[in-house]
Amino acid sequence: MQDVMQRAADRGTPGIRLLQAAHHRRSLSLYAKLGFQVRDVLAVMQGSPPKGEIPGYPTRRAAPADMQGCTAVCRRVHGHDRAGEVRDALAQGTALVVEHDGRISGYATDLALFAHAVGESNEDLKALIMAAEAFGGPGILVPTTNAELFRWCLQQGLRVMYLMTLMTIGLYTPPQGAYLPAVSY
């Protein structure tokens, strides 16, 4: 890990984030000693996606013309965009968007461990989760500090498979909206 941290410093990276397996207390201790700070506990959740719709939050497959709307939502929530990942998801046909009040208010590159979703509100994420055909791999990462969304997922029959700890060192800006992170970011 020290080599990774040095490589990041050599490249001028303002921050590092990682997901740590919550059950592994030795790695948690190591990362904390190195200066990483716990930001959230994420539940990897799996099950059958609940079916239905959230009134006023229609979802659909994303199209290339939605790129600007997705970028705008991500900038509002995270302070930066993830255009490359959205572009890849569009090419793979996995991207979804949700609209509210006639504009894109959220999107998902997919609903899976290596995909992310961003929404202005929990309703946006609920609509995206309901639009999923299935959750890829072990499931989706749900921040447990978003108690409303986490509880809703449990009420919909999703199960916690395991927990991961989001840790960072250096620059970190807390999201200003709802999100499902990807294990790779």
N, C-alpha and C. Protein backbone atom coordinates (compact mmCIF):
# COMPACT_ATOMS: atom_id res chain seq x y z
N MET A 1 0.83 -1.19 0.00
CA MET A 1 0.00 0.00 0.00
C MET A 1 0.87 1.25 0.00
N GLN A 2 1.99 1.21 0.68
CA GLN A 2 2.88 2.37 0.68
C GLN A 2 3.39 2.66 -0.72
N ASP A 3 3.65 1.62 -1.52
CA ASP A 3 4.06 1.82 -2.91
C ASP A 3 2.96 2.49 -3.72
N VAL A 4 1.72 2.08 -3.50
CA VAL A 4 0.58 2.68 -4.19
C VAL A 4 0.46 4.15 -3.79
N MET A 5 0.62 4.42 -2.52
CA MET A 5 0.52 5.80 -2.04
C MET A 5 1.65 6.67 -2.62
N GLN A 6 2.84 6.10 -2.72
CA GLN A 6 3.97 6.85 -3.30
C GLN A 6 3.73 7.11 -4.79
N ARG A 7 3.22 6.12 -5.48
CA ARG A 7 2.93 6.29 -6.91
C ARG A 7 1.89 7.40 -7.11
N ALA A 8 0.87 7.43 -6.26
CA ALA A 8 -0.14 8.47 -6.34
C ALA A 8 0.48 9.84 -6.07
N ALA A 9 1.36 9.91 -5.07
CA ALA A 9 2.04 11.17 -4.76
C ALA A 9 2.92 11.62 -5.92
N ASP A 10 3.64 10.68 -6.54
CA ASP A 10 4.50 11.01 -7.69
C ASP A 10 3.70 11.55 -8.86
N ARG A 11 2.47 11.09 -9.00
CA ARG A 11 1.60 11.54 -10.09
C ARG A 11 0.81 12.80 -9.73
N GLY A 12 0.94 13.25 -8.50
CA GLY A 12 0.21 14.44 -8.07
C GLY A 12 -1.26 14.20 -7.82
N THR A 13 -1.64 12.97 -7.54
CA THR A 13 -3.03 12.63 -7.27
C THR A 13 -3.46 13.28 -5.96
N PRO A 14 -4.57 14.03 -5.97
CA PRO A 14 -4.97 14.74 -4.75
C PRO A 14 -5.57 13.85 -3.67
N GLY A 15 -5.97 12.64 -4.02
CA GLY A 15 -6.58 11.76 -3.03
C GLY A 15 -6.61 10.33 -3.51
N ILE A 16 -6.77 9.43 -2.57
CA ILE A 16 -6.89 7.99 -2.87
C ILE A 16 -8.11 7.49 -2.13
N ARG A 17 -8.87 6.64 -2.78
CA ARG A 17 -9.99 6.00 -2.11
C ARG A 17 -9.90 4.51 -2.34
N LEU A 18 -10.43 3.76 -1.38
CA LEU A 18 -10.41 2.31 -1.49
C LEU A 18 -11.63 1.74 -0.79
N LEU A 19 -11.95 0.52 -1.16
CA LEU A 19 -12.99 -0.24 -0.47
C LEU A 19 -12.31 -1.39 0.25
N GLN A 20 -12.57 -1.47 1.53
CA GLN A 20 -11.94 -2.47 2.38
C GLN A 20 -13.01 -3.45 2.83
N ALA A 21 -12.69 -4.75 2.80
CA ALA A 21 -13.64 -5.77 3.28
C ALA A 21 -13.83 -5.58 4.78
N ALA A 22 -15.03 -5.21 5.18
CA ALA A 22 -15.29 -4.81 6.57
C ALA A 22 -14.96 -5.91 7.58
N HIS A 23 -15.03 -7.16 7.18
CA HIS A 23 -14.74 -8.24 8.13
C HIS A 23 -13.25 -8.39 8.40
N HIS A 24 -12.41 -7.77 7.57
CA HIS A 24 -10.96 -7.95 7.67
C HIS A 24 -10.35 -6.87 8.56
N ARG A 25 -10.33 -7.11 9.84
CA ARG A 25 -9.92 -6.08 10.80
C ARG A 25 -8.45 -5.69 10.67
N ARG A 26 -7.60 -6.59 10.21
CA ARG A 26 -6.18 -6.24 10.06
C ARG A 26 -5.97 -5.22 8.96
N SER A 27 -6.68 -5.38 7.83
CA SER A 27 -6.50 -4.40 6.76
C SER A 27 -7.11 -3.05 7.16
N LEU A 28 -8.21 -3.08 7.90
CA LEU A 28 -8.79 -1.83 8.40
C LEU A 28 -7.78 -1.10 9.27
N SER A 29 -7.13 -1.83 10.15
CA SER A 29 -6.12 -1.23 11.04
C SER A 29 -4.95 -0.69 10.24
N LEU A 30 -4.48 -1.44 9.25
CA LEU A 30 -3.36 -1.00 8.41
C LEU A 30 -3.70 0.30 7.71
N TYR A 31 -4.84 0.35 7.04
CA TYR A 31 -5.21 1.55 6.29
C TYR A 31 -5.39 2.75 7.22
N ALA A 32 -5.97 2.52 8.39
CA ALA A 32 -6.14 3.62 9.35
C ALA A 32 -4.77 4.14 9.81
N LYS A 33 -3.84 3.25 10.08
CA LYS A 33 -2.49 3.66 10.49
C LYS A 33 -1.79 4.46 9.40
N LEU A 34 -2.09 4.15 8.15
CA LEU A 34 -1.48 4.86 7.02
C LEU A 34 -2.14 6.22 6.76
N GLY A 35 -3.22 6.52 7.48
CA GLY A 35 -3.86 7.83 7.35
C GLY A 35 -5.20 7.83 6.65
N PHE A 36 -5.68 6.67 6.23
CA PHE A 36 -6.98 6.61 5.58
C PHE A 36 -8.07 6.87 6.61
N GLN A 37 -9.12 7.54 6.16
CA GLN A 37 -10.26 7.85 7.02
C GLN A 37 -11.50 7.12 6.52
N VAL A 38 -12.27 6.57 7.45
CA VAL A 38 -13.52 5.89 7.08
C VAL A 38 -14.52 6.95 6.66
N ARG A 39 -15.13 6.77 5.49
CA ARG A 39 -16.14 7.70 4.97
C ARG A 39 -17.53 7.11 5.00
N ASP A 40 -17.63 5.80 4.82
CA ASP A 40 -18.95 5.17 4.80
C ASP A 40 -18.78 3.67 4.91
N VAL A 41 -19.84 3.01 5.31
CA VAL A 41 -19.92 1.56 5.26
C VAL A 41 -20.94 1.24 4.18
N LEU A 42 -20.52 0.42 3.23
CA LEU A 42 -21.35 0.08 2.08
C LEU A 42 -21.83 -1.36 2.20
N ALA A 43 -23.10 -1.57 1.96
CA ALA A 43 -23.67 -2.91 1.96
C ALA A 43 -23.73 -3.42 0.53
N VAL A 44 -23.11 -4.55 0.27
CA VAL A 44 -23.28 -5.22 -1.01
C VAL A 44 -24.60 -5.96 -0.92
N MET A 45 -25.57 -5.54 -1.75
CA MET A 45 -26.93 -6.09 -1.66
C MET A 45 -27.28 -6.85 -2.92
N GLN A 46 -27.99 -7.95 -2.74
CA GLN A 46 -28.37 -8.81 -3.85
C GLN A 46 -29.81 -9.26 -3.65
N GLY A 47 -30.40 -9.70 -4.71
CA GLY A 47 -31.78 -10.19 -4.69
C GLY A 47 -32.43 -9.88 -6.02
N SER A 48 -33.71 -10.13 -6.09
CA SER A 48 -34.47 -9.78 -7.30
C SER A 48 -34.80 -8.30 -7.26
N PRO A 49 -34.48 -7.57 -8.32
CA PRO A 49 -34.84 -6.15 -8.32
C PRO A 49 -36.35 -6.00 -8.16
N PRO A 50 -36.75 -5.10 -7.28
CA PRO A 50 -38.20 -4.89 -7.13
C PRO A 50 -38.77 -4.31 -8.42
N LYS A 51 -39.92 -4.73 -8.78
CA LYS A 51 -40.54 -4.24 -10.02
C LYS A 51 -41.55 -3.15 -9.67
N GLY A 52 -41.76 -2.28 -10.59
CA GLY A 52 -42.70 -1.20 -10.38
C GLY A 52 -42.11 0.11 -10.87
N GLU A 53 -42.77 1.17 -10.51
CA GLU A 53 -42.33 2.50 -10.92
C GLU A 53 -42.52 3.46 -9.77
N ILE A 54 -41.70 4.47 -9.74
CA ILE A 54 -41.86 5.57 -8.80
C ILE A 54 -42.60 6.67 -9.57
N PRO A 55 -43.80 7.05 -9.16
CA PRO A 55 -44.55 8.09 -9.89
C PRO A 55 -43.72 9.37 -10.06
N GLY A 56 -43.69 9.86 -11.29
CA GLY A 56 -42.95 11.08 -11.59
C GLY A 56 -41.49 10.88 -11.88
N TYR A 57 -41.03 9.59 -11.91
CA TYR A 57 -39.63 9.27 -12.16
C TYR A 57 -39.51 8.15 -13.20
N PRO A 58 -39.88 8.44 -14.45
CA PRO A 58 -39.78 7.41 -15.48
C PRO A 58 -38.32 7.09 -15.81
N THR A 59 -38.08 5.82 -16.11
CA THR A 59 -36.73 5.37 -16.49
C THR A 59 -36.76 4.84 -17.91
N ARG A 60 -35.57 4.83 -18.51
CA ARG A 60 -35.42 4.28 -19.86
C ARG A 60 -33.95 3.99 -20.11
N ARG A 61 -33.68 3.27 -21.18
CA ARG A 61 -32.30 3.05 -21.61
C ARG A 61 -31.71 4.40 -22.01
N ALA A 62 -30.48 4.61 -21.66
CA ALA A 62 -29.81 5.86 -22.02
C ALA A 62 -29.40 5.83 -23.49
N ALA A 63 -29.37 7.00 -24.08
CA ALA A 63 -28.94 7.18 -25.47
C ALA A 63 -27.78 8.16 -25.50
N PRO A 64 -27.00 8.16 -26.57
CA PRO A 64 -25.86 9.10 -26.65
C PRO A 64 -26.27 10.56 -26.40
N ALA A 65 -27.47 10.93 -26.77
CA ALA A 65 -27.93 12.31 -26.56
C ALA A 65 -28.11 12.64 -25.08
N ASP A 66 -28.10 11.64 -24.21
CA ASP A 66 -28.27 11.85 -22.77
C ASP A 66 -26.95 12.17 -22.06
N MET A 67 -25.86 12.12 -22.79
CA MET A 67 -24.54 12.29 -22.17
C MET A 67 -24.43 13.59 -21.38
N GLN A 68 -24.89 14.68 -21.94
CA GLN A 68 -24.78 15.97 -21.26
C GLN A 68 -25.59 15.98 -19.96
N GLY A 69 -26.78 15.41 -19.98
CA GLY A 69 -27.61 15.34 -18.78
C GLY A 69 -26.99 14.50 -17.69
N CYS A 70 -26.39 13.36 -18.09
CA CYS A 70 -25.72 12.50 -17.11
C CYS A 70 -24.52 13.21 -16.49
N THR A 71 -23.76 13.88 -17.34
CA THR A 71 -22.59 14.62 -16.86
C THR A 71 -23.01 15.71 -15.88
N ALA A 72 -24.10 16.40 -16.17
CA ALA A 72 -24.58 17.48 -15.30
C ALA A 72 -25.00 16.94 -13.93
N VAL A 73 -25.69 15.82 -13.91
CA VAL A 73 -26.12 15.22 -12.65
C VAL A 73 -24.90 14.82 -11.82
N CYS A 74 -23.94 14.18 -12.44
CA CYS A 74 -22.76 13.74 -11.72
C CYS A 74 -21.99 14.94 -11.15
N ARG A 75 -21.90 16.00 -11.92
CA ARG A 75 -21.22 17.22 -11.42
C ARG A 75 -21.96 17.80 -10.22
N ARG A 76 -23.29 17.80 -10.25
CA ARG A 76 -24.06 18.33 -9.12
C ARG A 76 -23.86 17.48 -7.86
N VAL A 77 -23.82 16.18 -8.03
CA VAL A 77 -23.74 15.28 -6.87
C VAL A 77 -22.31 15.11 -6.37
N HIS A 78 -21.37 14.88 -7.29
CA HIS A 78 -20.00 14.55 -6.91
C HIS A 78 -18.99 15.69 -7.11
N GLY A 79 -19.36 16.71 -7.87
CA GLY A 79 -18.42 17.80 -8.12
C GLY A 79 -17.51 17.54 -9.31
N HIS A 80 -17.70 16.45 -10.00
CA HIS A 80 -16.93 16.10 -11.20
C HIS A 80 -17.78 15.15 -12.03
N ASP A 81 -17.33 14.87 -13.23
CA ASP A 81 -18.11 13.94 -14.05
C ASP A 81 -17.36 12.63 -14.22
N ARG A 82 -18.07 11.65 -14.70
CA ARG A 82 -17.51 10.33 -14.98
C ARG A 82 -17.89 9.95 -16.41
N ALA A 83 -17.64 10.90 -17.31
CA ALA A 83 -18.07 10.77 -18.71
C ALA A 83 -17.52 9.51 -19.37
N GLY A 84 -16.29 9.14 -19.08
CA GLY A 84 -15.71 7.95 -19.70
C GLY A 84 -16.48 6.69 -19.37
N GLU A 85 -16.88 6.56 -18.11
CA GLU A 85 -17.64 5.38 -17.70
C GLU A 85 -19.05 5.39 -18.30
N VAL A 86 -19.64 6.58 -18.39
CA VAL A 86 -20.97 6.69 -19.00
C VAL A 86 -20.88 6.32 -20.49
N ARG A 87 -19.85 6.82 -21.16
CA ARG A 87 -19.64 6.50 -22.58
C ARG A 87 -19.49 4.99 -22.78
N ASP A 88 -18.70 4.35 -21.91
CA ASP A 88 -18.53 2.90 -22.00
C ASP A 88 -19.85 2.16 -21.80
N ALA A 89 -20.64 2.61 -20.82
CA ALA A 89 -21.93 1.97 -20.55
C ALA A 89 -22.90 2.17 -21.72
N LEU A 90 -22.85 3.33 -22.36
CA LEU A 90 -23.69 3.55 -23.54
C LEU A 90 -23.30 2.57 -24.65
N ALA A 91 -22.00 2.39 -24.85
CA ALA A 91 -21.52 1.47 -25.89
C ALA A 91 -21.92 0.02 -25.58
N GLN A 92 -21.95 -0.33 -24.30
CA GLN A 92 -22.31 -1.69 -23.89
C GLN A 92 -23.82 -1.89 -23.80
N GLY A 93 -24.58 -0.80 -23.84
CA GLY A 93 -26.03 -0.90 -23.76
C GLY A 93 -26.56 -1.13 -22.35
N THR A 94 -25.77 -0.79 -21.33
CA THR A 94 -26.20 -1.04 -19.95
C THR A 94 -26.69 0.21 -19.23
N ALA A 95 -26.46 1.39 -19.81
CA ALA A 95 -26.79 2.64 -19.12
C ALA A 95 -28.30 2.89 -19.09
N LEU A 96 -28.76 3.40 -17.94
CA LEU A 96 -30.15 3.79 -17.75
C LEU A 96 -30.19 5.24 -17.30
N VAL A 97 -31.27 5.92 -17.60
CA VAL A 97 -31.50 7.26 -17.08
C VAL A 97 -32.88 7.31 -16.43
N VAL A 98 -33.01 8.23 -15.47
CA VAL A 98 -34.29 8.52 -14.85
C VAL A 98 -34.53 10.01 -15.05
N GLU A 99 -35.78 10.36 -15.30
CA GLU A 99 -36.13 11.76 -15.50
C GLU A 99 -37.10 12.20 -14.41
N HIS A 100 -37.02 13.48 -14.11
CA HIS A 100 -37.96 14.09 -13.17
C HIS A 100 -38.14 15.54 -13.60
N ASP A 101 -39.36 15.99 -13.63
CA ASP A 101 -39.67 17.36 -14.07
C ASP A 101 -39.11 17.66 -15.46
N GLY A 102 -39.15 16.64 -16.35
CA GLY A 102 -38.78 16.84 -17.75
C GLY A 102 -37.30 16.88 -18.05
N ARG A 103 -36.45 16.46 -17.10
CA ARG A 103 -35.01 16.46 -17.36
C ARG A 103 -34.38 15.25 -16.67
N ILE A 104 -33.17 14.90 -17.09
CA ILE A 104 -32.46 13.78 -16.47
C ILE A 104 -32.09 14.17 -15.05
N SER A 105 -32.50 13.35 -14.10
CA SER A 105 -32.21 13.62 -12.69
C SER A 105 -31.35 12.51 -12.07
N GLY A 106 -31.02 11.49 -12.87
CA GLY A 106 -30.16 10.42 -12.39
C GLY A 106 -29.84 9.46 -13.51
N TYR A 107 -28.82 8.65 -13.27
CA TYR A 107 -28.44 7.64 -14.25
C TYR A 107 -27.71 6.51 -13.55
N ALA A 108 -27.61 5.39 -14.24
CA ALA A 108 -26.81 4.24 -13.79
C ALA A 108 -26.03 3.72 -14.98
N THR A 109 -24.76 3.42 -14.77
CA THR A 109 -23.99 2.79 -15.84
C THR A 109 -24.38 1.32 -15.96
N ASP A 110 -24.92 0.78 -14.90
CA ASP A 110 -25.50 -0.55 -14.79
C ASP A 110 -25.87 -0.67 -13.31
N LEU A 111 -26.47 -1.75 -12.93
CA LEU A 111 -26.74 -2.00 -11.51
C LEU A 111 -25.93 -3.22 -11.15
N ALA A 112 -24.67 -2.98 -10.75
CA ALA A 112 -23.72 -4.05 -10.48
C ALA A 112 -22.57 -3.51 -9.64
N LEU A 113 -21.75 -4.40 -9.13
CA LEU A 113 -20.65 -4.02 -8.26
C LEU A 113 -19.63 -3.12 -8.96
N PHE A 114 -19.41 -3.33 -10.24
CA PHE A 114 -18.42 -2.54 -10.98
C PHE A 114 -19.07 -1.41 -11.77
N ALA A 115 -20.27 -1.02 -11.41
CA ALA A 115 -20.99 0.07 -12.07
C ALA A 115 -21.45 1.05 -11.00
N HIS A 116 -21.78 2.25 -11.42
CA HIS A 116 -22.22 3.24 -10.45
C HIS A 116 -23.53 3.87 -10.89
N ALA A 117 -24.20 4.49 -9.92
CA ALA A 117 -25.45 5.20 -10.19
C ALA A 117 -25.41 6.51 -9.40
N VAL A 118 -26.00 7.54 -9.97
CA VAL A 118 -26.03 8.86 -9.35
C VAL A 118 -27.43 9.43 -9.53
N GLY A 119 -27.94 10.04 -8.48
CA GLY A 119 -29.25 10.68 -8.57
C GLY A 119 -29.31 11.90 -7.69
N GLU A 120 -30.16 12.80 -8.07
CA GLU A 120 -30.36 13.99 -7.24
C GLU A 120 -31.08 13.65 -5.94
N SER A 121 -31.84 12.55 -5.96
CA SER A 121 -32.61 12.16 -4.77
C SER A 121 -32.66 10.65 -4.67
N ASN A 122 -33.12 10.18 -3.52
CA ASN A 122 -33.32 8.75 -3.34
C ASN A 122 -34.37 8.21 -4.30
N GLU A 123 -35.36 9.03 -4.63
CA GLU A 123 -36.40 8.57 -5.56
C GLU A 123 -35.79 8.21 -6.91
N ASP A 124 -34.79 8.98 -7.34
CA ASP A 124 -34.10 8.67 -8.60
C ASP A 124 -33.46 7.29 -8.53
N LEU A 125 -32.76 7.01 -7.43
CA LEU A 125 -32.09 5.71 -7.31
C LEU A 125 -33.09 4.58 -7.17
N LYS A 126 -34.15 4.79 -6.44
CA LYS A 126 -35.19 3.76 -6.31
C LYS A 126 -35.74 3.40 -7.69
N ALA A 127 -36.01 4.43 -8.50
CA ALA A 127 -36.54 4.17 -9.85
C ALA A 127 -35.54 3.39 -10.68
N LEU A 128 -34.25 3.73 -10.59
CA LEU A 128 -33.23 3.01 -11.35
C LEU A 128 -33.11 1.56 -10.86
N ILE A 129 -33.14 1.35 -9.56
CA ILE A 129 -33.07 -0.01 -9.01
C ILE A 129 -34.26 -0.83 -9.49
N MET A 130 -35.44 -0.21 -9.51
CA MET A 130 -36.64 -0.93 -9.96
C MET A 130 -36.59 -1.24 -11.46
N ALA A 131 -35.84 -0.46 -12.21
CA ALA A 131 -35.74 -0.67 -13.66
C ALA A 131 -34.74 -1.76 -14.04
N ALA A 132 -33.93 -2.19 -13.08
CA ALA A 132 -32.92 -3.22 -13.36
C ALA A 132 -33.57 -4.55 -13.69
N GLU A 133 -32.99 -5.24 -14.67
CA GLU A 133 -33.43 -6.60 -14.96
C GLU A 133 -32.87 -7.57 -13.93
N ALA A 134 -31.64 -7.30 -13.51
CA ALA A 134 -30.94 -8.10 -12.49
C ALA A 134 -29.79 -7.25 -11.97
N PHE A 135 -29.22 -7.66 -10.86
CA PHE A 135 -28.03 -7.01 -10.34
C PHE A 135 -26.83 -7.86 -10.73
N GLY A 136 -25.87 -7.25 -11.41
CA GLY A 136 -24.71 -7.98 -11.89
C GLY A 136 -23.76 -8.38 -10.77
N GLY A 137 -23.14 -9.54 -10.92
CA GLY A 137 -22.14 -10.01 -9.95
C GLY A 137 -22.73 -10.17 -8.57
N PRO A 138 -21.96 -9.81 -7.54
CA PRO A 138 -22.43 -9.97 -6.17
C PRO A 138 -23.57 -9.03 -5.80
N GLY A 139 -23.77 -7.95 -6.56
CA GLY A 139 -24.87 -7.05 -6.26
C GLY A 139 -24.49 -5.59 -6.39
N ILE A 140 -25.29 -4.74 -5.75
CA ILE A 140 -25.07 -3.29 -5.79
C ILE A 140 -24.52 -2.83 -4.45
N LEU A 141 -23.77 -1.74 -4.47
CA LEU A 141 -23.21 -1.15 -3.25
C LEU A 141 -24.13 -0.04 -2.78
N VAL A 142 -24.70 -0.20 -1.60
CA VAL A 142 -25.63 0.79 -1.05
C VAL A 142 -24.99 1.40 0.20
N PRO A 143 -24.79 2.72 0.21
CA PRO A 143 -24.25 3.36 1.41
C PRO A 143 -25.21 3.20 2.59
N THR A 144 -24.74 2.64 3.68
CA THR A 144 -25.63 2.44 4.83
C THR A 144 -25.95 3.76 5.53
N THR A 145 -25.14 4.79 5.30
CA THR A 145 -25.45 6.10 5.89
C THR A 145 -26.63 6.76 5.19
N ASN A 146 -27.00 6.27 4.03
CA ASN A 146 -28.24 6.71 3.38
C ASN A 146 -29.33 5.78 3.93
N ALA A 147 -29.71 6.05 5.17
CA ALA A 147 -30.62 5.15 5.90
C ALA A 147 -31.93 4.91 5.16
N GLU A 148 -32.46 5.95 4.53
CA GLU A 148 -33.74 5.80 3.83
C GLU A 148 -33.61 4.80 2.68
N LEU A 149 -32.59 4.96 1.85
CA LEU A 149 -32.41 4.07 0.71
C LEU A 149 -32.07 2.66 1.17
N PHE A 150 -31.18 2.55 2.15
CA PHE A 150 -30.78 1.24 2.67
C PHE A 150 -32.00 0.49 3.22
N ARG A 151 -32.81 1.17 4.02
CA ARG A 151 -34.02 0.56 4.59
C ARG A 151 -35.00 0.16 3.48
N TRP A 152 -35.17 1.03 2.48
CA TRP A 152 -36.07 0.74 1.37
C TRP A 152 -35.61 -0.53 0.65
N CYS A 153 -34.31 -0.66 0.41
CA CYS A 153 -33.80 -1.87 -0.26
C CYS A 153 -34.12 -3.12 0.56
N LEU A 154 -33.94 -3.03 1.87
CA LEU A 154 -34.27 -4.17 2.73
C LEU A 154 -35.76 -4.48 2.67
N GLN A 155 -36.59 -3.45 2.69
CA GLN A 155 -38.04 -3.65 2.63
C GLN A 155 -38.48 -4.25 1.30
N GLN A 156 -37.67 -4.06 0.25
CA GLN A 156 -37.98 -4.63 -1.05
C GLN A 156 -37.49 -6.06 -1.20
N GLY A 157 -36.89 -6.59 -0.14
CA GLY A 157 -36.45 -7.99 -0.15
C GLY A 157 -34.99 -8.19 -0.52
N LEU A 158 -34.24 -7.11 -0.72
CA LEU A 158 -32.82 -7.27 -1.00
C LEU A 158 -32.11 -7.69 0.28
N ARG A 159 -31.04 -8.48 0.12
CA ARG A 159 -30.29 -8.99 1.27
C ARG A 159 -28.88 -8.41 1.28
N VAL A 160 -28.36 -8.21 2.46
CA VAL A 160 -26.97 -7.79 2.62
C VAL A 160 -26.10 -9.04 2.47
N MET A 161 -25.21 -9.00 1.48
CA MET A 161 -24.31 -10.13 1.26
C MET A 161 -23.04 -9.98 2.11
N TYR A 162 -22.49 -8.79 2.12
CA TYR A 162 -21.34 -8.46 2.97
C TYR A 162 -21.18 -6.96 3.00
N LEU A 163 -20.30 -6.49 3.88
CA LEU A 163 -20.08 -5.05 4.04
C LEU A 163 -18.67 -4.68 3.59
N MET A 164 -18.56 -3.46 3.09
CA MET A 164 -17.27 -2.91 2.69
C MET A 164 -17.16 -1.51 3.30
N THR A 165 -15.94 -1.12 3.62
CA THR A 165 -15.70 0.19 4.21
C THR A 165 -15.07 1.09 3.16
N LEU A 166 -15.71 2.22 2.88
CA LEU A 166 -15.14 3.22 1.98
C LEU A 166 -14.17 4.06 2.79
N MET A 167 -12.91 4.08 2.37
CA MET A 167 -11.87 4.84 3.06
C MET A 167 -11.16 5.74 2.07
N THR A 168 -10.73 6.91 2.55
CA THR A 168 -10.00 7.84 1.68
C THR A 168 -8.84 8.46 2.44
N ILE A 169 -7.91 8.95 1.65
CA ILE A 169 -6.82 9.77 2.17
C ILE A 169 -6.66 10.92 1.19
N GLY A 170 -6.45 12.10 1.70
CA GLY A 170 -6.35 13.26 0.82
C GLY A 170 -7.71 13.83 0.49
N LEU A 171 -7.81 14.41 -0.70
CA LEU A 171 -9.03 15.10 -1.12
C LEU A 171 -10.23 14.16 -1.12
N TYR A 172 -11.29 14.59 -0.48
CA TYR A 172 -12.56 13.86 -0.50
C TYR A 172 -13.67 14.89 -0.35
N THR A 173 -14.62 14.87 -1.26
CA THR A 173 -15.77 15.75 -1.20
C THR A 173 -17.00 14.87 -1.02
N PRO A 174 -17.72 15.01 0.09
CA PRO A 174 -18.92 14.19 0.28
C PRO A 174 -19.95 14.47 -0.81
N PRO A 175 -20.59 13.43 -1.33
CA PRO A 175 -21.61 13.61 -2.36
C PRO A 175 -22.77 14.48 -1.87
N GLN A 176 -23.33 15.25 -2.78
CA GLN A 176 -24.46 16.14 -2.49
C GLN A 176 -25.72 15.61 -3.15
N GLY A 177 -25.99 14.36 -2.96
CA GLY A 177 -27.15 13.70 -3.54
C GLY A 177 -27.06 12.22 -3.24
N ALA A 178 -27.81 11.44 -3.95
CA ALA A 178 -27.85 9.99 -3.74
C ALA A 178 -26.92 9.31 -4.74
N TYR A 179 -26.30 8.22 -4.30
CA TYR A 179 -25.38 7.52 -5.19
C TYR A 179 -25.22 6.07 -4.79
N LEU A 180 -24.85 5.25 -5.76
CA LEU A 180 -24.42 3.88 -5.55
C LEU A 180 -23.02 3.82 -6.15
N PRO A 181 -21.98 3.67 -5.34
CA PRO A 181 -20.63 3.65 -5.88
C PRO A 181 -20.30 2.35 -6.59
N ALA A 182 -19.22 2.37 -7.34
CA ALA A 182 -18.68 1.18 -7.96
C ALA A 182 -17.49 0.73 -7.14
N VAL A 183 -17.23 -0.55 -7.11
CA VAL A 183 -16.09 -1.07 -6.35
C VAL A 183 -14.78 -0.53 -6.94
N SER A 184 -14.79 -0.18 -8.21
CA SER A 184 -13.56 0.31 -8.85
C SER A 184 -13.37 1.81 -8.67
N TYR A 185 -14.32 2.48 -7.99
CA TYR A 185 -14.16 3.92 -7.79
C TYR A 185 -14.85 4.35 -6.52
